[in-house]
Structure formats: C-alpha cells, structure tokens
PDB file of N, CA and C in Angstrom:
ATOM      1  N   MET A   1       0.843  -1.181   0.000  1.00  0.00           N
ATOM      2  CA  MET A   1       0.000   0.000   0.000  1.00  0.00           C
ATOM      3  C   MET A   1       0.884   1.238   0.000  1.00  0.00           C
ATOM      4  N   THR A   2       0.502   2.201  -0.811  1.00  0.00           N
ATOM      5  CA  THR A   2       1.149   3.504  -0.829  1.00  0.00           C
ATOM      6  C   THR A   2       0.200   4.486  -0.162  1.00  0.00           C
ATOM      7  N   ALA A   3       0.711   5.311   0.722  1.00  0.00           N
ATOM      8  CA  ALA A   3      -0.120   6.314   1.394  1.00  0.00           C
ATOM      9  C   ALA A   3       0.577   7.658   1.318  1.00  0.00           C
ATOM     10  N   ARG A   4      -0.197   8.689   1.087  1.00  0.00           N
ATOM     11  CA  ARG A   4       0.324  10.046   1.021  1.00  0.00           C
ATOM     12  C   ARG A   4      -0.624  10.990   1.743  1.00  0.00           C
ATOM     13  N   SER A   5      -0.050  12.016   2.335  1.00  0.00           N
ATOM     14  CA  SER A   5      -0.839  13.067   2.974  1.00  0.00           C
ATOM     15  C   SER A   5      -0.763  14.324   2.131  1.00  0.00           C
ATOM     16  N   LEU A   6      -1.849  15.048   2.092  1.00  0.00           N
ATOM     17  CA  LEU A   6      -1.933  16.282   1.322  1.00  0.00           C
ATOM     18  C   LEU A   6      -2.635  17.337   2.161  1.00  0.00           C
ATOM     19  N   ARG A   7      -1.930  18.408   2.474  1.00  0.00           N
ATOM     20  CA  ARG A   7      -2.572  19.525   3.162  1.00  0.00           C
ATOM     21  C   ARG A   7      -3.274  20.350   2.098  1.00  0.00           C
ATOM     22  N   PHE A   8      -4.608  20.427   2.183  1.00  0.00           N
ATOM     23  CA  PHE A   8      -5.359  21.001   1.086  1.00  0.00           C
ATOM     24  C   PHE A   8      -6.161  22.238   1.438  1.00  0.00           C
ATOM     25  N   LEU A   9      -6.308  22.571   2.702  1.00  0.00           N
ATOM     26  CA  LEU A   9      -7.185  23.682   3.047  1.00  0.00           C
ATOM     27  C   LEU A   9      -6.740  24.292   4.366  1.00  0.00           C
ATOM     28  N   THR A  10      -6.671  25.612   4.404  1.00  0.00           N
ATOM     29  CA  THR A  10      -6.391  26.339   5.633  1.00  0.00           C
ATOM     30  C   THR A  10      -7.544  27.284   5.890  1.00  0.00           C
ATOM     31  N   GLN A  11      -8.072  27.241   7.085  1.00  0.00           N
ATOM     32  CA  GLN A  11      -9.201  28.090   7.445  1.00  0.00           C
ATOM     33  C   GLN A  11      -8.675  29.450   7.875  1.00  0.00           C
ATOM     34  N   GLU A  12      -8.946  30.475   7.076  1.00  0.00           N
ATOM     35  CA  GLU A  12      -8.478  31.827   7.359  1.00  0.00           C
ATOM     36  C   GLU A  12      -9.556  32.688   8.014  1.00  0.00           C
ATOM     37  N   ASP A  13     -10.808  32.241   7.977  1.00  0.00           N
ATOM     38  CA  ASP A  13     -11.907  33.026   8.557  1.00  0.00           C
ATOM     39  C   ASP A  13     -11.956  32.837  10.071  1.00  0.00           C
ATOM     40  N   GLU A  14     -12.817  33.598  10.710  1.00  0.00           N
ATOM     41  CA  GLU A  14     -12.952  33.540  12.169  1.00  0.00           C
ATOM     42  C   GLU A  14     -14.015  32.550  12.625  1.00  0.00           C
ATOM     43  N   GLU A  15     -14.727  31.921  11.684  1.00  0.00           N
ATOM     44  CA  GLU A  15     -15.769  30.950  12.021  1.00  0.00           C
ATOM     45  C   GLU A  15     -15.333  29.567  11.573  1.00  0.00           C
ATOM     46  N   PRO A  16     -15.738  28.528  12.286  1.00  0.00           N
ATOM     47  CA  PRO A  16     -15.426  27.167  11.842  1.00  0.00           C
ATOM     48  C   PRO A  16     -16.074  26.882  10.487  1.00  0.00           C
ATOM     49  N   VAL A  17     -15.472  25.981   9.726  1.00  0.00           N
ATOM     50  CA  VAL A  17     -16.025  25.579   8.435  1.00  0.00           C
ATOM     51  C   VAL A  17     -16.004  24.050   8.356  1.00  0.00           C
ATOM     52  N   HIS A  18     -17.102  23.485   7.853  1.00  0.00           N
ATOM     53  CA  HIS A  18     -17.191  22.037   7.662  1.00  0.00           C
ATOM     54  C   HIS A  18     -16.759  21.726   6.231  1.00  0.00           C
ATOM     55  N   TRP A  19     -15.946  20.680   6.046  1.00  0.00           N
ATOM     56  CA  TRP A  19     -15.531  20.252   4.713  1.00  0.00           C
ATOM     57  C   TRP A  19     -15.884  18.784   4.536  1.00  0.00           C
ATOM     58  N   ALA A  20     -16.127  18.391   3.280  1.00  0.00           N
ATOM     59  CA  ALA A  20     -16.451  17.000   2.971  1.00  0.00           C
ATOM     60  C   ALA A  20     -15.966  16.673   1.565  1.00  0.00           C
ATOM     61  N   VAL A  21     -15.398  15.476   1.419  1.00  0.00           N
ATOM     62  CA  VAL A  21     -14.926  14.985   0.122  1.00  0.00           C
ATOM     63  C   VAL A  21     -15.952  13.995  -0.412  1.00  0.00           C
ATOM     64  N   ASP A  22     -16.361  14.170  -1.655  1.00  0.00           N
ATOM     65  CA  ASP A  22     -17.238  13.207  -2.309  1.00  0.00           C
ATOM     66  C   ASP A  22     -16.344  12.067  -2.817  1.00  0.00           C
ATOM     67  N   VAL A  23     -16.411  10.918  -2.159  1.00  0.00           N
ATOM     68  CA  VAL A  23     -15.533   9.801  -2.501  1.00  0.00           C
ATOM     69  C   VAL A  23     -16.140   8.851  -3.536  1.00  0.00           C
ATOM     70  N   THR A  24     -17.300   9.185  -4.050  1.00  0.00           N
ATOM     71  CA  THR A  24     -17.946   8.349  -5.064  1.00  0.00           C
ATOM     72  C   THR A  24     -17.005   8.016  -6.221  1.00  0.00           C
ATOM     73  N   PRO A  25     -16.211   8.991  -6.736  1.00  0.00           N
ATOM     74  CA  PRO A  25     -15.311   8.666  -7.847  1.00  0.00           C
ATOM     75  C   PRO A  25     -14.226   7.640  -7.510  1.00  0.00           C
ATOM     76  N   LEU A  26     -13.980   7.397  -6.228  1.00  0.00           N
ATOM     77  CA  LEU A  26     -12.925   6.456  -5.834  1.00  0.00           C
ATOM     78  C   LEU A  26     -13.371   4.998  -5.862  1.00  0.00           C
ATOM     79  N   GLN A  27     -14.668   4.745  -5.983  1.00  0.00           N
ATOM     80  CA  GLN A  27     -15.165   3.374  -5.933  1.00  0.00           C
ATOM     81  C   GLN A  27     -14.506   2.528  -7.023  1.00  0.00           C
ATOM     82  N   GLY A  28     -13.899   1.417  -6.612  1.00  0.00           N
ATOM     83  CA  GLY A  28     -13.250   0.500  -7.525  1.00  0.00           C
ATOM     84  C   GLY A  28     -11.898   0.961  -8.042  1.00  0.00           C
ATOM     85  N   SER A  29     -11.367   2.072  -7.501  1.00  0.00           N
ATOM     86  CA  SER A  29     -10.114   2.633  -8.004  1.00  0.00           C
ATOM     87  C   SER A  29      -8.872   2.131  -7.275  1.00  0.00           C
ATOM     88  N   GLY A  30      -9.055   1.496  -6.123  1.00  0.00           N
ATOM     89  CA  GLY A  30      -7.917   1.105  -5.301  1.00  0.00           C
ATOM     90  C   GLY A  30      -7.506   2.182  -4.315  1.00  0.00           C
ATOM     91  N   PHE A  31      -8.096   3.390  -4.435  1.00  0.00           N
ATOM     92  CA  PHE A  31      -7.824   4.475  -3.499  1.00  0.00           C
ATOM     93  C   PHE A  31      -8.831   4.456  -2.366  1.00  0.00           C
ATOM     94  N   HIS A  32      -8.377   4.920  -1.202  1.00  0.00           N
ATOM     95  CA  HIS A  32      -9.242   4.996  -0.028  1.00  0.00           C
ATOM     96  C   HIS A  32      -8.860   6.229   0.782  1.00  0.00           C
ATOM     97  N   LEU A  33      -9.864   6.930   1.277  1.00  0.00           N
ATOM     98  CA  LEU A  33      -9.651   8.049   2.202  1.00  0.00           C
ATOM     99  C   LEU A  33     -10.225   7.644   3.557  1.00  0.00           C
ATOM    100  N   PRO A  34      -9.378   7.421   4.569  1.00  0.00           N
ATOM    101  CA  PRO A  34      -9.894   7.054   5.888  1.00  0.00           C
ATOM    102  C   PRO A  34     -10.778   8.138   6.505  1.00  0.00           C
ATOM    103  N   VAL A  35     -10.462   9.398   6.266  1.00  0.00           N
ATOM    104  CA  VAL A  35     -11.258  10.513   6.789  1.00  0.00           C
ATOM    105  C   VAL A  35     -11.771  11.313   5.601  1.00  0.00           C
ATOM    106  N   THR A  36     -13.095  11.443   5.498  1.00  0.00           N
ATOM    107  CA  THR A  36     -13.684  12.106   4.336  1.00  0.00           C
ATOM    108  C   THR A  36     -14.363  13.432   4.652  1.00  0.00           C
ATOM    109  N   SER A  37     -14.394  13.814   5.919  1.00  0.00           N
ATOM    110  CA  SER A  37     -14.997  15.099   6.280  1.00  0.00           C
ATOM    111  C   SER A  37     -14.480  15.535   7.648  1.00  0.00           C
ATOM    112  N   GLY A  38     -14.718  16.796   7.948  1.00  0.00           N
ATOM    113  CA  GLY A  38     -14.288  17.327   9.238  1.00  0.00           C
ATOM    114  C   GLY A  38     -14.687  18.778   9.386  1.00  0.00           C
ATOM    115  N   THR A  39     -14.316  19.352  10.503  1.00  0.00           N
ATOM    116  CA  THR A  39     -14.578  20.765  10.774  1.00  0.00           C
ATOM    117  C   THR A  39     -13.255  21.440  11.085  1.00  0.00           C
ATOM    118  N   LEU A  40     -13.023  22.550  10.421  1.00  0.00           N
ATOM    119  CA  LEU A  40     -11.813  23.337  10.653  1.00  0.00           C
ATOM    120  C   LEU A  40     -12.136  24.539  11.527  1.00  0.00           C
ATOM    121  N   GLU A  41     -11.400  24.685  12.587  1.00  0.00           N
ATOM    122  CA  GLU A  41     -11.493  25.868  13.422  1.00  0.00           C
ATOM    123  C   GLU A  41     -10.610  26.956  12.794  1.00  0.00           C
ATOM    124  N   PRO A  42     -10.795  28.212  13.181  1.00  0.00           N
ATOM    125  CA  PRO A  42      -9.951  29.276  12.616  1.00  0.00           C
ATOM    126  C   PRO A  42      -8.460  28.954  12.738  1.00  0.00           C
ATOM    127  N   ARG A  43      -7.733  29.189  11.659  1.00  0.00           N
ATOM    128  CA  ARG A  43      -6.286  28.998  11.536  1.00  0.00           C
ATOM    129  C   ARG A  43      -5.833  27.539  11.588  1.00  0.00           C
ATOM    130  N   GLU A  44      -6.758  26.606  11.450  1.00  0.00           N
ATOM    131  CA  GLU A  44      -6.406  25.189  11.347  1.00  0.00           C
ATOM    132  C   GLU A  44      -6.231  24.811   9.882  1.00  0.00           C
ATOM    133  N   CYS A  45      -5.506  23.709   9.644  1.00  0.00           N
ATOM    134  CA  CYS A  45      -5.311  23.170   8.299  1.00  0.00           C
ATOM    135  C   CYS A  45      -5.936  21.779   8.234  1.00  0.00           C
ATOM    136  N   ALA A  46      -6.456  21.437   7.065  1.00  0.00           N
ATOM    137  CA  ALA A  46      -6.988  20.093   6.844  1.00  0.00           C
ATOM    138  C   ALA A  46      -5.995  19.305   6.013  1.00  0.00           C
ATOM    139  N   THR A  47      -5.811  18.064   6.379  1.00  0.00           N
ATOM    140  CA  THR A  47      -4.910  17.170   5.657  1.00  0.00           C
ATOM    141  C   THR A  47      -5.667  15.908   5.284  1.00  0.00           C
ATOM    142  N   LEU A  48      -5.566  15.520   4.013  1.00  0.00           N
ATOM    143  CA  LEU A  48      -6.148  14.261   3.561  1.00  0.00           C
ATOM    144  C   LEU A  48      -5.070  13.186   3.565  1.00  0.00           C
ATOM    145  N   GLN A  49      -5.412  12.021   4.057  1.00  0.00           N
ATOM    146  CA  GLN A  49      -4.538  10.857   3.959  1.00  0.00           C
ATOM    147  C   GLN A  49      -5.119  10.005   2.841  1.00  0.00           C
ATOM    148  N   LEU A  50      -4.404   9.882   1.751  1.00  0.00           N
ATOM    149  CA  LEU A  50      -4.848   9.137   0.584  1.00  0.00           C
ATOM    150  C   LEU A  50      -4.089   7.821   0.539  1.00  0.00           C
ATOM    151  N   GLU A  51      -4.815   6.690   0.542  1.00  0.00           N
ATOM    152  CA  GLU A  51      -4.197   5.372   0.514  1.00  0.00           C
ATOM    153  C   GLU A  51      -4.495   4.705  -0.824  1.00  0.00           C
ATOM    154  N   PHE A  52      -3.497   4.031  -1.377  1.00  0.00           N
ATOM    155  CA  PHE A  52      -3.660   3.333  -2.644  1.00  0.00           C
ATOM    156  C   PHE A  52      -3.211   1.895  -2.482  1.00  0.00           C
ATOM    157  N   ALA A  53      -4.137   0.969  -2.605  1.00  0.00           N
ATOM    158  CA  ALA A  53      -3.843  -0.461  -2.483  1.00  0.00           C
ATOM    159  C   ALA A  53      -4.740  -1.212  -3.469  1.00  0.00           C
ATOM    160  N   PRO A  54      -4.407  -1.169  -4.758  1.00  0.00           N
ATOM    161  CA  PRO A  54      -5.262  -1.842  -5.743  1.00  0.00           C
ATOM    162  C   PRO A  54      -5.159  -3.359  -5.617  1.00  0.00           C
ATOM    163  N   ASP A  55      -6.236  -4.036  -5.984  1.00  0.00           N
ATOM    164  CA  ASP A  55      -6.229  -5.499  -5.961  1.00  0.00           C
ATOM    165  C   ASP A  55      -5.756  -6.082  -7.290  1.00  0.00           C
ATOM    166  N   ARG A  56      -5.481  -5.214  -8.271  1.00  0.00           N
ATOM    167  CA  ARG A  56      -4.958  -5.629  -9.567  1.00  0.00           C
ATOM    168  C   ARG A  56      -4.262  -4.424 -10.202  1.00  0.00           C
ATOM    169  N   PRO A  57      -3.353  -4.638 -11.150  1.00  0.00           N
ATOM    170  CA  PRO A  57      -2.713  -3.495 -11.818  1.00  0.00           C
ATOM    171  C   PRO A  57      -3.763  -2.649 -12.537  1.00  0.00           C
ATOM    172  N   MET A  58      -3.689  -1.356 -12.349  1.00  0.00           N
ATOM    173  CA  MET A  58      -4.661  -0.477 -12.989  1.00  0.00           C
ATOM    174  C   MET A  58      -4.148   0.949 -13.036  1.00  0.00           C
ATOM    175  N   GLY A  59      -4.612   1.668 -14.021  1.00  0.00           N
ATOM    176  CA  GLY A  59      -4.390   3.102 -14.077  1.00  0.00           C
ATOM    177  C   GLY A  59      -5.620   3.787 -13.512  1.00  0.00           C
ATOM    178  N   VAL A  60      -5.407   4.881 -12.819  1.00  0.00           N
ATOM    179  CA  VAL A  60      -6.517   5.605 -12.208  1.00  0.00           C
ATOM    180  C   VAL A  60      -6.387   7.076 -12.546  1.00  0.00           C
ATOM    181  N   ASP A  61      -7.501   7.696 -12.887  1.00  0.00           N
ATOM    182  CA  ASP A  61      -7.553   9.138 -13.143  1.00  0.00           C
ATOM    183  C   ASP A  61      -8.931   9.611 -12.712  1.00  0.00           C
ATOM    184  N   VAL A  62      -9.021  10.159 -11.498  1.00  0.00           N
ATOM    185  CA  VAL A  62     -10.304  10.595 -10.951  1.00  0.00           C
ATOM    186  C   VAL A  62     -10.198  12.006 -10.389  1.00  0.00           C
ATOM    187  N   SER A  63     -11.340  12.660 -10.316  1.00  0.00           N
ATOM    188  CA  SER A  63     -11.441  13.989  -9.701  1.00  0.00           C
ATOM    189  C   SER A  63     -12.212  13.861  -8.400  1.00  0.00           C
ATOM    190  N   LEU A  64     -11.650  14.409  -7.325  1.00  0.00           N
ATOM    191  CA  LEU A  64     -12.308  14.395  -6.018  1.00  0.00           C
ATOM    192  C   LEU A  64     -12.844  15.779  -5.693  1.00  0.00           C
ATOM    193  N   PRO A  65     -14.159  15.948  -5.687  1.00  0.00           N
ATOM    194  CA  PRO A  65     -14.727  17.241  -5.304  1.00  0.00           C
ATOM    195  C   PRO A  65     -14.719  17.418  -3.785  1.00  0.00           C
ATOM    196  N   ILE A  66     -14.327  18.595  -3.345  1.00  0.00           N
ATOM    197  CA  ILE A  66     -14.322  18.936  -1.919  1.00  0.00           C
ATOM    198  C   ILE A  66     -15.290  20.102  -1.722  1.00  0.00           C
ATOM    199  N   HIS A  67     -16.265  19.875  -0.839  1.00  0.00           N
ATOM    200  CA  HIS A  67     -17.312  20.862  -0.581  1.00  0.00           C
ATOM    201  C   HIS A  67     -17.148  21.462   0.814  1.00  0.00           C
ATOM    202  N   LEU A  68     -17.662  22.667   0.976  1.00  0.00           N
ATOM    203  CA  LEU A  68     -17.650  23.343   2.276  1.00  0.00           C
ATOM    204  C   LEU A  68     -19.060  23.595   2.771  1.00  0.00           C
ATOM    205  N   ASP A  69     -19.223  23.542   4.076  1.00  0.00           N
ATOM    206  CA  ASP A  69     -20.456  23.908   4.771  1.00  0.00           C
ATOM    207  C   ASP A  69     -21.713  23.248   4.232  1.00  0.00           C
ATOM    208  N   GLY A  70     -21.640  21.945   3.979  1.00  0.00           N
ATOM    209  CA  GLY A  70     -22.820  21.180   3.594  1.00  0.00           C
ATOM    210  C   GLY A  70     -23.243  21.318   2.149  1.00  0.00           C
ATOM    211  N   ALA A  71     -22.451  21.980   1.315  1.00  0.00           N
ATOM    212  CA  ALA A  71     -22.836  22.194  -0.081  1.00  0.00           C
ATOM    213  C   ALA A  71     -22.978  20.884  -0.844  1.00  0.00           C
ATOM    214  N   GLU A  72     -22.309  19.806  -0.362  1.00  0.00           N
ATOM    215  CA  GLU A  72     -22.392  18.524  -1.060  1.00  0.00           C
ATOM    216  C   GLU A  72     -23.809  17.966  -1.043  1.00  0.00           C
ATOM    217  N   LYS A  73     -24.648  18.454  -0.126  1.00  0.00           N
ATOM    218  CA  LYS A  73     -26.020  17.972  -0.011  1.00  0.00           C
ATOM    219  C   LYS A  73     -26.991  18.765  -0.886  1.00  0.00           C
ATOM    220  N   GLU A  74     -26.523  19.864  -1.473  1.00  0.00           N
ATOM    221  CA  GLU A  74     -27.382  20.697  -2.305  1.00  0.00           C
ATOM    222  C   GLU A  74     -27.271  20.257  -3.766  1.00  0.00           C
ATOM    223  N   ALA A  75     -28.405  19.975  -4.372  1.00  0.00           N
ATOM    224  CA  ALA A  75     -28.420  19.534  -5.768  1.00  0.00           C
ATOM    225  C   ALA A  75     -27.790  20.602  -6.664  1.00  0.00           C
ATOM    226  N   GLY A  76     -26.895  20.167  -7.530  1.00  0.00           N
ATOM    227  CA  GLY A  76     -26.281  21.077  -8.494  1.00  0.00           C
ATOM    228  C   GLY A  76     -25.194  21.969  -7.939  1.00  0.00           C
ATOM    229  N   SER A  77     -24.809  21.780  -6.671  1.00  0.00           N
ATOM    230  CA  SER A  77     -23.777  22.642  -6.102  1.00  0.00           C
ATOM    231  C   SER A  77     -22.418  22.296  -6.696  1.00  0.00           C
ATOM    232  N   LYS A  78     -21.586  23.300  -6.860  1.00  0.00           N
ATOM    233  CA  LYS A  78     -20.239  23.103  -7.373  1.00  0.00           C
ATOM    234  C   LYS A  78     -19.290  22.969  -6.187  1.00  0.00           C
ATOM    235  N   PRO A  79     -18.261  22.143  -6.326  1.00  0.00           N
ATOM    236  CA  PRO A  79     -17.310  21.981  -5.220  1.00  0.00           C
ATOM    237  C   PRO A  79     -16.486  23.244  -4.997  1.00  0.00           C
ATOM    238  N   TYR A  80     -16.025  23.415  -3.765  1.00  0.00           N
ATOM    239  CA  TYR A  80     -15.128  24.519  -3.435  1.00  0.00           C
ATOM    240  C   TYR A  80     -13.818  24.353  -4.186  1.00  0.00           C
ATOM    241  N   LEU A  81     -13.347  23.113  -4.261  1.00  0.00           N
ATOM    242  CA  LEU A  81     -12.158  22.795  -5.050  1.00  0.00           C
ATOM    243  C   LEU A  81     -12.221  21.336  -5.459  1.00  0.00           C
ATOM    244  N   THR A  82     -11.438  21.000  -6.464  1.00  0.00           N
ATOM    245  CA  THR A  82     -11.369  19.629  -6.965  1.00  0.00           C
ATOM    246  C   THR A  82      -9.907  19.223  -7.044  1.00  0.00           C
ATOM    247  N   VAL A  83      -9.608  18.036  -6.549  1.00  0.00           N
ATOM    248  CA  VAL A  83      -8.256  17.494  -6.617  1.00  0.00           C
ATOM    249  C   VAL A  83      -8.261  16.356  -7.635  1.00  0.00           C
ATOM    250  N   GLN A  84      -7.361  16.434  -8.590  1.00  0.00           N
ATOM    251  CA  GLN A  84      -7.199  15.375  -9.586  1.00  0.00           C
ATOM    252  C   GLN A  84      -6.217  14.353  -9.042  1.00  0.00           C
ATOM    253  N   VAL A  85      -6.599  13.086  -9.025  1.00  0.00           N
ATOM    254  CA  VAL A  85      -5.759  12.000  -8.532  1.00  0.00           C
ATOM    255  C   VAL A  85      -5.502  11.054  -9.699  1.00  0.00           C
ATOM    256  N   ARG A  86      -4.229  10.792  -9.962  1.00  0.00           N
ATOM    257  CA  ARG A  86      -3.867   9.946 -11.098  1.00  0.00           C
ATOM    258  C   ARG A  86      -2.689   9.070 -10.697  1.00  0.00           C
ATOM    259  N   THR A  87      -2.714   7.821 -11.112  1.00  0.00           N
ATOM    260  CA  THR A  87      -1.547   6.972 -10.897  1.00  0.00           C
ATOM    261  C   THR A  87      -0.682   7.026 -12.150  1.00  0.00           C
ATOM    262  N   VAL A  88       0.611   7.034 -11.914  1.00  0.00           N
ATOM    263  CA  VAL A  88       1.602   6.974 -12.985  1.00  0.00           C
ATOM    264  C   VAL A  88       2.639   5.948 -12.539  1.00  0.00           C
ATOM    265  N   GLU A  89       3.514   5.559 -13.442  1.00  0.00           N
ATOM    266  CA  GLU A  89       4.480   4.505 -13.105  1.00  0.00           C
ATOM    267  C   GLU A  89       5.307   4.817 -11.869  1.00  0.00           C
ATOM    268  N   SER A  90       5.638   6.084 -11.670  1.00  0.00           N
ATOM    269  CA  SER A  90       6.527   6.431 -10.557  1.00  0.00           C
ATOM    270  C   SER A  90       5.794   6.803  -9.275  1.00  0.00           C
ATOM    271  N   GLY A  91       4.467   6.737  -9.251  1.00  0.00           N
ATOM    272  CA  GLY A  91       3.770   7.047  -8.014  1.00  0.00           C
ATOM    273  C   GLY A  91       2.378   7.599  -8.241  1.00  0.00           C
ATOM    274  N   ILE A  92       1.965   8.476  -7.354  1.00  0.00           N
ATOM    275  CA  ILE A  92       0.640   9.088  -7.385  1.00  0.00           C
ATOM    276  C   ILE A  92       0.809  10.552  -7.756  1.00  0.00           C
ATOM    277  N   TRP A  93       0.055  11.006  -8.729  1.00  0.00           N
ATOM    278  CA  TRP A  93       0.124  12.386  -9.197  1.00  0.00           C
ATOM    279  C   TRP A  93      -1.119  13.108  -8.719  1.00  0.00           C
ATOM    280  N   LEU A  94      -0.929  14.253  -8.066  1.00  0.00           N
ATOM    281  CA  LEU A  94      -2.044  15.055  -7.565  1.00  0.00           C
ATOM    282  C   LEU A  94      -2.000  16.422  -8.213  1.00  0.00           C
ATOM    283  N   LYS A  95      -3.153  16.926  -8.610  1.00  0.00           N
ATOM    284  CA  LYS A  95      -3.219  18.259  -9.179  1.00  0.00           C
ATOM    285  C   LYS A  95      -4.523  18.880  -8.736  1.00  0.00           C
ATOM    286  N   GLY A  96      -4.456  20.132  -8.362  1.00  0.00           N
ATOM    287  CA  GLY A  96      -5.672  20.817  -7.962  1.00  0.00           C
ATOM    288  C   GLY A  96      -5.409  22.269  -7.690  1.00  0.00           C
ATOM    289  N   ASP A  97      -6.466  22.982  -7.528  1.00  0.00           N
ATOM    290  CA  ASP A  97      -6.398  24.396  -7.213  1.00  0.00           C
ATOM    291  C   ASP A  97      -6.576  24.528  -5.709  1.00  0.00           C
ATOM    292  N   PHE A  98      -5.545  24.116  -4.955  1.00  0.00           N
ATOM    293  CA  PHE A  98      -5.694  24.047  -3.506  1.00  0.00           C
ATOM    294  C   PHE A  98      -4.590  24.768  -2.753  1.00  0.00           C
ATOM    295  N   GLY A  99      -4.008  25.775  -3.368  1.00  0.00           N
ATOM    296  CA  GLY A  99      -3.078  26.622  -2.656  1.00  0.00           C
ATOM    297  C   GLY A  99      -1.680  26.060  -2.512  1.00  0.00           C
ATOM    298  N   LEU A 100      -1.380  24.925  -3.142  1.00  0.00           N
ATOM    299  CA  LEU A 100      -0.038  24.371  -3.128  1.00  0.00           C
ATOM    300  C   LEU A 100       0.486  24.400  -4.548  1.00  0.00           C
ATOM    301  N   THR A 101       1.589  23.755  -4.794  1.00  0.00           N
ATOM    302  CA  THR A 101       2.114  23.649  -6.140  1.00  0.00           C
ATOM    303  C   THR A 101       1.039  23.052  -7.039  1.00  0.00           C
ATOM    304  N   PRO A 102       0.793  23.610  -8.226  1.00  0.00           N
ATOM    305  CA  PRO A 102      -0.303  23.125  -9.082  1.00  0.00           C
ATOM    306  C   PRO A 102      -0.251  21.631  -9.372  1.00  0.00           C
ATOM    307  N   GLY A 103       0.896  21.037  -9.422  1.00  0.00           N
ATOM    308  CA  GLY A 103       0.973  19.585  -9.609  1.00  0.00           C
ATOM    309  C   GLY A 103       2.060  19.044  -8.712  1.00  0.00           C
ATOM    310  N   ALA A 104       1.828  17.913  -8.116  1.00  0.00           N
ATOM    311  CA  ALA A 104       2.838  17.313  -7.239  1.00  0.00           C
ATOM    312  C   ALA A 104       2.913  15.833  -7.553  1.00  0.00           C
ATOM    313  N   LEU A 105       4.103  15.348  -7.794  1.00  0.00           N
ATOM    314  CA  LEU A 105       4.283  13.922  -8.057  1.00  0.00           C
ATOM    315  C   LEU A 105       4.805  13.291  -6.777  1.00  0.00           C
ATOM    316  N   LEU A 106       4.075  12.355  -6.257  1.00  0.00           N
ATOM    317  CA  LEU A 106       4.447  11.706  -5.007  1.00  0.00           C
ATOM    318  C   LEU A 106       4.758  10.252  -5.289  1.00  0.00           C
ATOM    319  N   GLY A 107       6.015   9.884  -5.171  1.00  0.00           N
ATOM    320  CA  GLY A 107       6.424   8.504  -5.420  1.00  0.00           C
ATOM    321  C   GLY A 107       6.163   7.638  -4.218  1.00  0.00           C
ATOM    322  N   PRO A 108       6.382   6.348  -4.355  1.00  0.00           N
ATOM    323  CA  PRO A 108       6.173   5.440  -3.230  1.00  0.00           C
ATOM    324  C   PRO A 108       7.105   5.762  -2.075  1.00  0.00           C
ATOM    325  N   LYS A 109       6.670   5.456  -0.859  1.00  0.00           N
ATOM    326  CA  LYS A 109       7.508   5.685   0.324  1.00  0.00           C
ATOM    327  C   LYS A 109       8.674   4.742   0.320  1.00  0.00           C
TER     328      LYS A 109
END
C-alpha cells in the first residue's frame, strides 16, 4: 500500500467551516480516504490521507470534489475545489487548485 498526505485547506476566517470529500469517484479505483470530512477551526489546516492499495494493476484518473459547509447535499452545487488523482508509473500524481504547487508527483515511500 502507498499512502500520502496532502494539506489542502487552511481556514483563514474567524468561524469554523465544515468540509467533505465526495468519494464516489474512488469506488473501484484502489484508493481509499480514511477521513472524508471534518470541521476546521480558525487557523487550522486540513490534511487528507490518501491510501492506494489496488487489488490488480490499474491506471486511475479521478477527480475528487471537496465541498464546504454542507454544499455537497445541495443539488447542483459546485465543489469549493477539486483534486485530480492519477496513478503513474513512478507514483501518485495530484493536481488541484488548492493553494499548493499546481501539480505534485508523489512517489512510493
């Protein structure tokens, strides 16, 4: 199993914010997120732990929508941000508009 952590959100406001990842795109991909939602207090950061343990060789290219403050429950709502998750020969490739380097290649530990 390959596991990587990604700090994806920092709460800059003075009020807590709830975040949630729609993990539907991960079904059957070999990826797993142990924690899919949480609440950020002011000046806290959220970190996703992404685990990859496929049961067979496969390529994966999925988009993970991340919603704030219950927006995932509203029909037609757009995510606050989306993280692209892709497997490549040398590891896991992440890309998103989440305040870090636009693309990060994370090889196996």
